[in-house]
PDB file of N, CA and C in Angstrom:
ATOM      1  N   MET A   1     -55.765 112.204  -9.714  1.00  0.00           N
ATOM      2  CA  MET A   1     -55.007 111.283  -9.742  1.00  0.00           C
ATOM      3  C   MET A   1     -54.001 111.036  -8.875  1.00  0.00           C
ATOM      4  N   PRO A   2     -53.791 109.743  -8.253  1.00  0.00           N
ATOM      5  CA  PRO A   2     -52.837 109.615  -7.046  1.00  0.00           C
ATOM      6  C   PRO A   2     -51.158 110.416  -7.180  1.00  0.00           C
ATOM      7  N   GLU A   3     -50.834 110.704  -6.393  1.00  0.00           N
ATOM      8  CA  GLU A   3     -49.937 110.991  -6.262  1.00  0.00           C
ATOM      9  C   GLU A   3     -48.606 110.221  -6.513  1.00  0.00           C
ATOM     10  N   GLU A   4     -48.707 109.588  -6.388  1.00  0.00           N
ATOM     11  CA  GLU A   4     -48.070 107.744  -5.966  1.00  0.00           C
ATOM     12  C   GLU A   4     -48.565 107.034  -7.248  1.00  0.00           C
ATOM     13  N   ALA A   5     -48.071 106.186  -8.109  1.00  0.00           N
ATOM     14  CA  ALA A   5     -48.760 105.316  -8.437  1.00  0.00           C
ATOM     15  C   ALA A   5     -48.921 104.234  -7.829  1.00  0.00           C
ATOM     16  N   TRP A   6     -50.019 103.688  -7.984  1.00  0.00           N
ATOM     17  CA  TRP A   6     -50.454 102.445  -6.868  1.00  0.00           C
ATOM     18  C   TRP A   6     -50.524 100.830  -8.229  1.00  0.00           C
ATOM     19  N   PHE A   7     -50.799 101.609  -9.343  1.00  0.00           N
ATOM     20  CA  PHE A   7     -50.346 100.360  -9.902  1.00  0.00           C
ATOM     21  C   PHE A   7     -50.154 101.471 -11.266  1.00  0.00           C
ATOM     22  N   ASN A   8     -48.647 101.205 -11.857  1.00  0.00           N
ATOM     23  CA  ASN A   8     -48.545 101.353 -12.698  1.00  0.00           C
ATOM     24  C   ASN A   8     -49.039 100.747 -14.280  1.00  0.00           C
ATOM     25  N   VAL A   9     -48.318 102.213 -15.171  1.00  0.00           N
ATOM     26  CA  VAL A   9     -48.761 101.875 -16.401  1.00  0.00           C
ATOM     27  C   VAL A   9     -48.391 100.332 -17.307  1.00  0.00           C
ATOM     28  N   ASN A  10     -46.705 100.900 -16.983  1.00  0.00           N
ATOM     29  CA  ASN A  10     -45.483  99.255 -16.763  1.00  0.00           C
ATOM     30  C   ASN A  10     -46.555  97.637 -16.344  1.00  0.00           C
ATOM     31  N   MET A  11     -47.144  98.056 -15.168  1.00  0.00           N
ATOM     32  CA  MET A  11     -47.839  96.886 -14.489  1.00  0.00           C
ATOM     33  C   MET A  11     -49.230  96.706 -15.697  1.00  0.00           C
ATOM     34  N   MET A  12     -49.765  97.505 -15.717  1.00  0.00           N
ATOM     35  CA  MET A  12     -51.133  96.974 -16.411  1.00  0.00           C
ATOM     36  C   MET A  12     -50.659  96.429 -17.820  1.00  0.00           C
ATOM     37  N   GLN A  13     -49.909  97.165 -18.131  1.00  0.00           N
ATOM     38  CA  GLN A  13     -49.629  96.840 -19.922  1.00  0.00           C
ATOM     39  C   GLN A  13     -49.182  95.046 -19.581  1.00  0.00           C
ATOM     40  N   LYS A  14     -47.934  94.834 -18.765  1.00  0.00           N
ATOM     41  CA  LYS A  14     -48.038  93.760 -18.818  1.00  0.00           C
ATOM     42  C   LYS A  14     -49.394  92.299 -18.850  1.00  0.00           C
ATOM     43  N   ASP A  15     -49.978  92.890 -17.937  1.00  0.00           N
ATOM     44  CA  ASP A  15     -50.648  92.018 -18.059  1.00  0.00           C
ATOM     45  C   ASP A  15     -52.272  92.098 -19.206  1.00  0.00           C
ATOM     46  N   MET A  16     -51.923  93.388 -19.978  1.00  0.00           N
ATOM     47  CA  MET A  16     -52.891  93.079 -20.986  1.00  0.00           C
ATOM     48  C   MET A  16     -52.113  92.296 -21.466  1.00  0.00           C
ATOM     49  N   LEU A  17     -51.001  92.592 -21.741  1.00  0.00           N
ATOM     50  CA  LEU A  17     -50.079  91.465 -22.919  1.00  0.00           C
ATOM     51  C   LEU A  17     -50.147  89.962 -22.762  1.00  0.00           C
ATOM     52  N   LEU A  18     -50.459  89.623 -21.463  1.00  0.00           N
ATOM     53  CA  LEU A  18     -50.554  88.327 -21.153  1.00  0.00           C
ATOM     54  C   LEU A  18     -51.936  88.128 -21.201  1.00  0.00           C
ATOM     55  N   ALA A  19     -52.576  88.609 -21.378  1.00  0.00           N
ATOM     56  CA  ALA A  19     -54.570  88.458 -21.860  1.00  0.00           C
ATOM     57  C   ALA A  19     -55.040  88.460 -23.330  1.00  0.00           C
ATOM     58  N   LEU A  20     -53.639  89.116 -23.692  1.00  0.00           N
ATOM     59  CA  LEU A  20     -53.973  89.541 -25.414  1.00  0.00           C
ATOM     60  C   LEU A  20     -53.074  88.379 -25.792  1.00  0.00           C
ATOM     61  N   GLU A  21     -51.869  87.432 -25.172  1.00  0.00           N
ATOM     62  CA  GLU A  21     -50.940  86.172 -25.728  1.00  0.00           C
ATOM     63  C   GLU A  21     -52.265  85.112 -25.366  1.00  0.00           C
ATOM     64  N   MET A  22     -53.130  84.951 -24.125  1.00  0.00           N
ATOM     65  CA  MET A  22     -53.599  84.102 -24.212  1.00  0.00           C
ATOM     66  C   MET A  22     -55.080  83.938 -24.871  1.00  0.00           C
ATOM     67  N   GLY A  23     -55.331  84.559 -25.667  1.00  0.00           N
ATOM     68  CA  GLY A  23     -56.284  85.279 -26.527  1.00  0.00           C
ATOM     69  C   GLY A  23     -56.093  84.499 -27.692  1.00  0.00           C
ATOM     70  N   ARG A  24     -54.838  84.735 -28.013  1.00  0.00           N
ATOM     71  CA  ARG A  24     -54.463  84.515 -29.266  1.00  0.00           C
ATOM     72  C   ARG A  24     -54.020  83.001 -29.545  1.00  0.00           C
ATOM     73  N   GLN A  25     -53.792  82.587 -28.382  1.00  0.00           N
ATOM     74  CA  GLN A  25     -53.830  81.081 -28.399  1.00  0.00           C
ATOM     75  C   GLN A  25     -55.506  80.165 -28.018  1.00  0.00           C
ATOM     76  N   LEU A  26     -56.201  81.074 -27.642  1.00  0.00           N
ATOM     77  CA  LEU A  26     -57.448  80.275 -27.459  1.00  0.00           C
ATOM     78  C   LEU A  26     -58.154  80.898 -28.380  1.00  0.00           C
ATOM     79  N   ASN A  27     -57.698  80.908 -29.731  1.00  0.00           N
ATOM     80  CA  ASN A  27     -58.199  81.931 -30.212  1.00  0.00           C
ATOM     81  C   ASN A  27     -59.699  83.110 -30.213  1.00  0.00           C
ATOM     82  N   VAL A  28     -59.543  83.642 -28.931  1.00  0.00           N
ATOM     83  CA  VAL A  28     -60.307  84.298 -28.461  1.00  0.00           C
ATOM     84  C   VAL A  28     -60.097  86.107 -29.055  1.00  0.00           C
ATOM     85  N   PRO A  29     -61.263  86.620 -29.649  1.00  0.00           N
ATOM     86  CA  PRO A  29     -60.692  87.677 -30.069  1.00  0.00           C
ATOM     87  C   PRO A  29     -61.080  88.969 -28.568  1.00  0.00           C
ATOM     88  N   LEU A  30     -59.905  89.975 -28.617  1.00  0.00           N
ATOM     89  CA  LEU A  30     -60.081  90.544 -27.513  1.00  0.00           C
ATOM     90  C   LEU A  30     -60.181  92.004 -28.000  1.00  0.00           C
ATOM     91  N   PRO A  31     -60.879  92.743 -28.356  1.00  0.00           N
ATOM     92  CA  PRO A  31     -60.663  94.028 -29.203  1.00  0.00           C
ATOM     93  C   PRO A  31     -60.565  95.365 -28.164  1.00  0.00           C
ATOM     94  N   THR A  32     -61.438  95.514 -26.966  1.00  0.00           N
ATOM     95  CA  THR A  32     -61.455  96.307 -26.520  1.00  0.00           C
ATOM     96  C   THR A  32     -59.778  95.973 -25.453  1.00  0.00           C
ATOM     97  N   THR A  33     -59.391  95.097 -25.007  1.00  0.00           N
ATOM     98  CA  THR A  33     -58.378  94.934 -24.646  1.00  0.00           C
ATOM     99  C   THR A  33     -56.891  95.198 -25.453  1.00  0.00           C
ATOM    100  N   ALA A  34     -56.741  94.972 -26.333  1.00  0.00           N
ATOM    101  CA  ALA A  34     -56.198  95.977 -27.887  1.00  0.00           C
ATOM    102  C   ALA A  34     -56.182  97.359 -27.869  1.00  0.00           C
ATOM    103  N   THR A  35     -57.642  97.289 -27.871  1.00  0.00           N
ATOM    104  CA  THR A  35     -57.304  99.412 -28.037  1.00  0.00           C
ATOM    105  C   THR A  35     -56.890 100.581 -26.858  1.00  0.00           C
ATOM    106  N   ALA A  36     -57.330  99.389 -26.099  1.00  0.00           N
ATOM    107  CA  ALA A  36     -56.512  99.936 -23.982  1.00  0.00           C
ATOM    108  C   ALA A  36     -55.133  99.711 -24.028  1.00  0.00           C
ATOM    109  N   ASN A  37     -54.348  98.938 -24.295  1.00  0.00           N
ATOM    110  CA  ASN A  37     -53.477  98.470 -24.567  1.00  0.00           C
ATOM    111  C   ASN A  37     -52.793  99.889 -25.753  1.00  0.00           C
ATOM    112  N   GLU A  38     -53.612 100.029 -26.577  1.00  0.00           N
ATOM    113  CA  GLU A  38     -52.531 101.221 -27.729  1.00  0.00           C
ATOM    114  C   GLU A  38     -52.545 102.103 -26.851  1.00  0.00           C
ATOM    115  N   PHE A  39     -53.792 102.722 -26.029  1.00  0.00           N
ATOM    116  CA  PHE A  39     -53.781 103.680 -25.621  1.00  0.00           C
ATOM    117  C   PHE A  39     -52.719 104.633 -24.188  1.00  0.00           C
ATOM    118  N   LEU A  40     -52.502 102.781 -23.764  1.00  0.00           N
ATOM    119  CA  LEU A  40     -50.809 103.423 -22.890  1.00  0.00           C
ATOM    120  C   LEU A  40     -49.591 103.314 -23.720  1.00  0.00           C
ATOM    121  N   THR A  41     -50.088 102.388 -24.634  1.00  0.00           N
ATOM    122  CA  THR A  41     -48.636 102.957 -25.630  1.00  0.00           C
ATOM    123  C   THR A  41     -48.091 103.884 -26.308  1.00  0.00           C
ATOM    124  N   ARG A  42     -49.017 105.009 -25.776  1.00  0.00           N
ATOM    125  CA  ARG A  42     -48.850 106.241 -27.122  1.00  0.00           C
ATOM    126  C   ARG A  42     -47.729 107.114 -26.541  1.00  0.00           C
ATOM    127  N   PRO A  43     -47.438 107.230 -27.441  1.00  0.00           N
ATOM    128  CA  PRO A  43     -45.399 107.644 -27.864  1.00  0.00           C
ATOM    129  C   PRO A  43     -45.463 109.089 -26.928  1.00  0.00           C
ATOM    130  N   GLY A  44     -44.125 109.228 -26.859  1.00  0.00           N
ATOM    131  CA  GLY A  44     -44.617 110.394 -26.456  1.00  0.00           C
ATOM    132  C   GLY A  44     -44.953 111.006 -24.958  1.00  0.00           C
ATOM    133  N   TYR A  45     -45.842 110.558 -24.404  1.00  0.00           N
ATOM    134  CA  TYR A  45     -46.440 110.553 -23.706  1.00  0.00           C
ATOM    135  C   TYR A  45     -45.820 110.407 -22.058  1.00  0.00           C
ATOM    136  N   GLY A  46     -44.670 109.075 -21.722  1.00  0.00           N
ATOM    137  CA  GLY A  46     -43.965 109.546 -21.049  1.00  0.00           C
ATOM    138  C   GLY A  46     -45.293 108.867 -19.634  1.00  0.00           C
ATOM    139  N   MET A  47     -45.354 107.828 -19.644  1.00  0.00           N
ATOM    140  CA  MET A  47     -46.619 107.455 -18.953  1.00  0.00           C
ATOM    141  C   MET A  47     -46.089 106.164 -17.570  1.00  0.00           C
ATOM    142  N   ALA A  48     -45.020 105.497 -18.484  1.00  0.00           N
ATOM    143  CA  ALA A  48     -44.461 104.232 -18.030  1.00  0.00           C
ATOM    144  C   ALA A  48     -44.659 104.030 -16.578  1.00  0.00           C
ATOM    145  N   ASP A  49     -44.654 105.335 -15.359  1.00  0.00           N
ATOM    146  CA  ASP A  49     -44.267 105.086 -13.663  1.00  0.00           C
ATOM    147  C   ASP A  49     -45.645 105.875 -12.963  1.00  0.00           C
ATOM    148  N   GLN A  50     -46.464 106.673 -13.829  1.00  0.00           N
ATOM    149  CA  GLN A  50     -47.678 107.166 -13.068  1.00  0.00           C
ATOM    150  C   GLN A  50     -48.985 105.586 -13.421  1.00  0.00           C
ATOM    151  N   ASP A  51     -49.817 106.007 -12.541  1.00  0.00           N
ATOM    152  CA  ASP A  51     -50.653 105.142 -12.103  1.00  0.00           C
ATOM    153  C   ASP A  51     -51.870 104.979 -13.886  1.00  0.00           C
ATOM    154  N   PHE A  52     -52.448 103.733 -14.058  1.00  0.00           N
ATOM    155  CA  PHE A  52     -53.187 103.371 -15.298  1.00  0.00           C
ATOM    156  C   PHE A  52     -54.218 104.039 -15.459  1.00  0.00           C
ATOM    157  N   ALA A  53     -54.809 105.036 -14.245  1.00  0.00           N
ATOM    158  CA  ALA A  53     -55.903 106.004 -14.885  1.00  0.00           C
ATOM    159  C   ALA A  53     -55.332 107.306 -15.214  1.00  0.00           C
ATOM    160  N   ILE A  54     -53.934 107.124 -15.941  1.00  0.00           N
ATOM    161  CA  ILE A  54     -53.942 108.338 -16.703  1.00  0.00           C
ATOM    162  C   ILE A  54     -53.926 108.181 -18.294  1.00  0.00           C
ATOM    163  N   VAL A  55     -54.964 106.557 -17.831  1.00  0.00           N
ATOM    164  CA  VAL A  55     -55.383 106.821 -19.516  1.00  0.00           C
ATOM    165  C   VAL A  55     -56.599 107.899 -19.927  1.00  0.00           C
ATOM    166  N   PHE A  56     -57.497 108.304 -18.726  1.00  0.00           N
ATOM    167  CA  PHE A  56     -58.259 109.124 -18.250  1.00  0.00           C
ATOM    168  C   PHE A  56     -57.705 110.591 -19.742  1.00  0.00           C
ATOM    169  N   ASP A  57     -56.252 110.750 -19.016  1.00  0.00           N
ATOM    170  CA  ASP A  57     -55.391 111.648 -20.311  1.00  0.00           C
ATOM    171  C   ASP A  57     -55.100 112.030 -21.317  1.00  0.00           C
ATOM    172  N   VAL A  58     -54.828 110.518 -21.757  1.00  0.00           N
ATOM    173  CA  VAL A  58     -54.348 110.079 -23.314  1.00  0.00           C
ATOM    174  C   VAL A  58     -56.067 110.408 -23.591  1.00  0.00           C
ATOM    175  N   LEU A  59     -57.159 109.937 -23.343  1.00  0.00           N
ATOM    176  CA  LEU A  59     -58.426 110.575 -24.221  1.00  0.00           C
ATOM    177  C   LEU A  59     -58.694 111.289 -23.973  1.00  0.00           C
ATOM    178  N   ALA A  60     -58.273 112.935 -23.066  1.00  0.00           N
ATOM    179  CA  ALA A  60     -58.783 113.664 -23.039  1.00  0.00           C
ATOM    180  C   ALA A  60     -57.535 114.432 -24.454  1.00  0.00           C
ATOM    181  N   ARG A  61     -56.256 114.452 -24.255  1.00  0.00           N
ATOM    182  CA  ARG A  61     -55.708 114.188 -24.988  1.00  0.00           C
ATOM    183  C   ARG A  61     -55.563 114.331 -26.512  1.00  0.00           C
ATOM    184  N   MET A  62     -55.853 113.029 -27.245  1.00  0.00           N
ATOM    185  CA  MET A  62     -56.433 112.870 -28.590  1.00  0.00           C
ATOM    186  C   MET A  62     -57.803 113.533 -28.579  1.00  0.00           C
ATOM    187  N   SER A  63     -59.166 113.779 -27.791  1.00  0.00           N
ATOM    188  CA  SER A  63     -60.440 114.534 -27.560  1.00  0.00           C
ATOM    189  C   SER A  63     -59.655 116.132 -28.275  1.00  0.00           C
ATOM    190  N   GLY A  64     -58.812 116.719 -28.230  1.00  0.00           N
ATOM    191  CA  GLY A  64     -58.257 117.792 -28.233  1.00  0.00           C
ATOM    192  C   GLY A  64     -59.248 118.659 -26.702  1.00  0.00           C
ATOM    193  N   VAL A  65     -59.126 117.824 -25.771  1.00  0.00           N
ATOM    194  CA  VAL A  65     -59.620 118.076 -24.445  1.00  0.00           C
ATOM    195  C   VAL A  65     -58.492 118.956 -23.334  1.00  0.00           C
ATOM    196  N   SER A  66     -58.689 119.677 -23.005  1.00  0.00           N
ATOM    197  CA  SER A  66     -57.474 120.210 -22.031  1.00  0.00           C
ATOM    198  C   SER A  66     -58.070 119.783 -20.255  1.00  0.00           C
ATOM    199  N   ARG A  67     -57.356 119.449 -19.612  1.00  0.00           N
ATOM    200  CA  ARG A  67     -57.637 119.086 -17.932  1.00  0.00           C
ATOM    201  C   ARG A  67     -57.165 120.089 -16.777  1.00  0.00           C
TER     202      ARG A  67
END
């Protein structure tokens, strides 16, 4: 994990929300994008300013794995 975010969760989520909106407009389902977006919005994880690679930690926490 980089010490300083290169591309933080807020920026990634903005792009994901744009993609999901375009998918809705074009009637194209984007289930993987929707799932990834859910990982980035896990309540209480306080990840907004961290590098989006933090998704690895979210998946580990959800699986009960500590790192």
